[in-house]
């Protein structure tokens, strides 16, 4: 298996895993997911950006920790 092929498989695997995790609340708790989505509309954009930045930083930190093992 070439390195390029392995990289594509890895990226697609990660995207697939994210899609599964993102879909779990909508499948398991659709009513709560709708309430949560409605609450997001009420948040100021600045707060959403801070939440997004935190999630990006936490994800990068997790990836770094896992890749360092």
Protein backbone atom coordinates (compact mmCIF):
# COMPACT_ATOMS: atom_id res chain seq x y z
CA UNK A 1 0.00 0.00 0.00
CA UNK A 2 1.46 3.36 -1.02
CA UNK A 3 1.82 6.21 1.45
CA UNK A 4 -0.61 8.34 -0.55
CA UNK A 5 -3.23 5.58 -0.53
CA UNK A 6 -2.71 5.03 3.20
CA UNK A 7 -3.18 8.75 3.87
CA UNK A 8 -6.42 8.87 1.91
CA UNK A 9 -7.74 5.81 3.74
CA UNK A 10 -6.79 7.39 7.07
CA UNK A 11 -8.46 10.72 6.27
CA UNK A 12 -11.64 9.03 5.05
CA UNK A 13 -11.67 6.84 8.16
CA UNK A 14 -11.41 9.90 10.40
CA UNK A 15 -14.20 11.67 8.49
CA UNK A 16 -16.37 8.56 8.80
CA UNK A 17 -15.72 8.33 12.55
CA UNK A 18 -16.63 12.01 12.99
CA UNK A 19 -19.86 11.48 11.04
CA UNK A 20 -20.81 8.54 13.27
CA UNK A 21 -20.11 10.52 16.45
CA UNK A 22 -21.94 13.59 15.14
CA UNK A 23 -24.97 11.49 14.19
CA UNK A 24 -25.37 9.72 17.53
CA UNK A 25 -27.24 12.52 19.36
CA UNK A 26 -29.65 13.05 16.45
CA UNK A 27 -30.43 9.34 16.29
CA UNK A 28 -30.52 8.65 20.02
CA UNK A 29 -32.01 11.88 21.35
CA UNK A 30 -33.72 13.79 18.52
CA UNK A 31 -35.91 15.94 20.78
CA UNK A 32 -32.96 17.03 22.92
CA UNK A 33 -30.90 17.69 19.78
CA UNK A 34 -33.63 20.00 18.46
CA UNK A 35 -33.76 21.89 21.78
CA UNK A 36 -29.96 22.23 21.77
CA UNK A 37 -29.98 23.50 18.18
CA UNK A 38 -32.65 26.07 19.09
CA UNK A 39 -30.52 27.26 22.02
CA UNK A 40 -27.56 27.73 19.67
CA UNK A 41 -29.58 30.30 17.74
CA UNK A 42 -29.81 32.40 20.90
CA UNK A 43 -26.06 32.48 21.59
CA UNK A 44 -24.02 35.47 20.46
CA UNK A 45 -21.61 34.78 17.59
CA UNK A 46 -18.63 35.61 19.79
CA UNK A 47 -19.58 32.84 22.23
CA UNK A 48 -20.02 30.35 19.37
CA UNK A 49 -16.59 31.28 18.03
CA UNK A 50 -15.03 30.77 21.45
CA UNK A 51 -16.72 27.37 21.75
CA UNK A 52 -15.50 26.44 18.26
CA UNK A 53 -11.96 27.58 19.02
CA UNK A 54 -11.96 25.53 22.23
CA UNK A 55 -13.12 22.42 20.35
CA UNK A 56 -10.46 22.91 17.67
CA UNK A 57 -7.73 23.34 20.31
CA UNK A 58 -8.95 20.31 22.29
CA UNK A 59 -9.07 18.20 19.13
CA UNK A 60 -5.58 19.22 18.08
CA UNK A 61 -4.26 18.53 21.56
CA UNK A 62 -5.88 15.10 21.55
CA UNK A 63 -4.44 14.31 18.12
CA UNK A 64 -0.99 15.44 19.23
CA UNK A 65 -1.19 13.31 22.38
CA UNK A 66 -2.31 10.23 20.45
CA UNK A 67 0.33 10.66 17.74
CA UNK A 68 3.05 11.07 20.41
CA UNK A 69 2.39 7.62 21.91
